[in-house]
C-alpha atoms as a PDB file:
ATOM      1  CA  MET A   1    -126.564 -85.173 128.158  1.00  0.00           C
ATOM      2  CA  GLN A   2    -128.575 -82.226 129.362  1.00  0.00           C
ATOM      3  CA  ARG A   3    -130.841 -82.152 132.401  1.00  0.00           C
ATOM      4  CA  LYS A   4    -133.723 -79.812 133.067  1.00  0.00           C
ATOM      5  CA  LEU A   5    -133.504 -77.624 136.168  1.00  0.00           C
ATOM      6  CA  THR A   6    -136.230 -75.408 137.549  1.00  0.00           C
ATOM      7  CA  ILE A   7    -135.096 -72.334 139.458  1.00  0.00           C
ATOM      8  CA  THR A   8    -137.008 -69.468 141.013  1.00  0.00           C
ATOM      9  CA  VAL A   9    -135.921 -65.852 140.555  1.00  0.00           C
ATOM     10  CA  ASP A  10    -137.442 -62.492 141.321  1.00  0.00           C
ATOM     11  CA  GLU A  11    -139.778 -61.228 138.597  1.00  0.00           C
ATOM     12  CA  ALA A  12    -137.569 -58.209 137.912  1.00  0.00           C
ATOM     13  CA  VAL A  13    -134.547 -60.496 137.440  1.00  0.00           C
ATOM     14  CA  TYR A  14    -136.491 -62.665 135.020  1.00  0.00           C
ATOM     15  CA  GLU A  15    -137.677 -59.662 133.024  1.00  0.00           C
ATOM     16  CA  GLY A  16    -134.110 -58.343 132.917  1.00  0.00           C
ATOM     17  CA  LEU A  17    -132.779 -61.677 131.693  1.00  0.00           C
ATOM     18  CA  TYR A  18    -135.478 -61.858 129.054  1.00  0.00           C
ATOM     19  CA  ALA A  19    -134.831 -58.273 127.902  1.00  0.00           C
ATOM     20  CA  VAL A  20    -131.022 -58.379 127.927  1.00  0.00           C
ATOM     21  CA  ILE A  21    -130.184 -62.003 127.116  1.00  0.00           C
ATOM     22  CA  GLY A  22    -133.178 -62.842 124.993  1.00  0.00           C
ATOM     23  CA  ARG A  23    -135.632 -65.645 124.574  1.00  0.00           C
ATOM     24  CA  ARG A  24    -134.195 -69.167 124.390  1.00  0.00           C
ATOM     25  CA  LYS A  25    -130.735 -67.977 125.507  1.00  0.00           C
ATOM     26  CA  ILE A  26    -131.205 -67.679 129.269  1.00  0.00           C
ATOM     27  CA  SER A  27    -130.252 -71.282 130.059  1.00  0.00           C
ATOM     28  CA  ARG A  28    -127.008 -71.041 128.085  1.00  0.00           C
ATOM     29  CA  PHE A  29    -126.184 -67.720 129.758  1.00  0.00           C
ATOM     30  CA  ILE A  30    -126.763 -69.079 133.276  1.00  0.00           C
ATOM     31  CA  GLU A  31    -124.767 -72.228 132.505  1.00  0.00           C
ATOM     32  CA  SER A  32    -121.809 -70.159 131.275  1.00  0.00           C
ATOM     33  CA  LEU A  33    -121.841 -68.213 134.554  1.00  0.00           C
ATOM     34  CA  VAL A  34    -122.171 -71.255 136.797  1.00  0.00           C
ATOM     35  CA  ARG A  35    -119.885 -73.724 134.971  1.00  0.00           C
ATOM     36  CA  PRO A  36    -116.506 -72.384 136.203  1.00  0.00           C
ATOM     37  CA  HIS A  37    -117.723 -72.536 139.806  1.00  0.00           C
ATOM     38  CA  VAL A  38    -118.877 -76.144 139.789  1.00  0.00           C
ATOM     39  CA  LEU A  39    -116.619 -77.974 137.340  1.00  0.00           C
ATOM     40  CA  ALA A  40    -112.990 -78.637 138.179  1.00  0.00           C
ATOM     41  CA  GLU A  41    -111.433 -77.507 134.896  1.00  0.00           C
ATOM     42  CA  SER A  42    -107.691 -77.080 134.801  1.00  0.00           C
ATOM     43  CA  LEU A  43    -106.777 -73.405 134.752  1.00  0.00           C
ATOM     44  CA  THR A  44    -103.790 -74.194 132.546  1.00  0.00           C
ATOM     45  CA  GLU A  45    -106.020 -75.944 130.011  1.00  0.00           C
ATOM     46  CA  ALA A  46    -108.432 -73.024 130.016  1.00  0.00           C
ATOM     47  CA  TYR A  47    -105.620 -70.526 129.350  1.00  0.00           C
ATOM     48  CA  GLN A  48    -104.262 -72.733 126.566  1.00  0.00           C
ATOM     49  CA  ALA A  49    -107.693 -72.870 124.930  1.00  0.00           C
ATOM     50  CA  MET A  50    -108.023 -69.093 125.149  1.00  0.00           C
ATOM     51  CA  ALA A  51    -104.568 -68.622 123.609  1.00  0.00           C
ATOM     52  CA  LEU A  52    -105.593 -70.754 120.618  1.00  0.00           C
ATOM     53  CA  ASP A  53    -108.517 -68.421 119.904  1.00  0.00           C
ATOM     54  CA  GLU A  54    -106.824 -66.135 117.359  1.00  0.00           C
ATOM     55  CA  ASP A  55    -109.753 -63.690 117.124  1.00  0.00           C
ATOM     56  CA  ARG A  56    -109.821 -63.242 120.895  1.00  0.00           C
ATOM     57  CA  GLU A  57    -106.060 -62.858 121.105  1.00  0.00           C
ATOM     58  CA  GLY A  58    -106.119 -60.254 118.323  1.00  0.00           C
ATOM     59  CA  GLU A  59    -108.794 -58.249 120.129  1.00  0.00           C
ATOM     60  CA  ALA A  60    -106.852 -58.481 123.396  1.00  0.00           C
ATOM     61  CA  GLU A  61    -103.653 -57.286 121.728  1.00  0.00           C
ATOM     62  CA  GLU A  62    -105.478 -54.405 120.041  1.00  0.00           C
ATOM     63  CA  TRP A  63    -106.964 -53.383 123.391  1.00  0.00           C
ATOM     64  CA  ALA A  64    -103.598 -53.625 125.163  1.00  0.00           C
ATOM     65  CA  GLU A  65    -101.871 -51.562 122.482  1.00  0.00           C
ATOM     66  CA  GLY A  66    -104.588 -48.927 122.802  1.00  0.00           C
ATOM     67  CA  THR A  67    -103.998 -48.528 126.534  1.00  0.00           C
ATOM     68  CA  PHE A  68    -100.372 -47.452 126.074  1.00  0.00           C
ATOM     69  CA  GLY A  69    -101.497 -44.093 124.727  1.00  0.00           C
ATOM     70  CA  ASP A  70    -103.803 -43.624 127.690  1.00  0.00           C
ATOM     71  CA  VAL A  71    -100.937 -44.057 130.171  1.00  0.00           C
ATOM     72  CA  ARG A  72     -98.587 -41.809 128.193  1.00  0.00           C
ATOM     73  CA  ASP A  73    -101.113 -38.954 128.239  1.00  0.00           C
ATOM     74  CA  GLU A  74    -101.702 -39.022 132.018  1.00  0.00           C
ATOM     75  CA  THR A  75    -100.260 -36.227 134.128  1.00  0.00           C
ATOM     76  CA  ARG A  76     -97.892 -37.198 136.895  1.00  0.00           C
END
């Protein structure tokens, strides 16, 4: 069940949300930011869910592999 919540933000913040996040997506964006701070979700369960996301894991591995070259090329 969803509940409606009215919040007040500075006009510049609202315009930024509207420009960056887009119309009809602001509520979902704010909820995704707030959720981890107010719901007691098990950290272990969250990590397990992330590990099951094959696309995300592939992107993370690709990024990690790409950083090895960066370290190798640094001067000591």
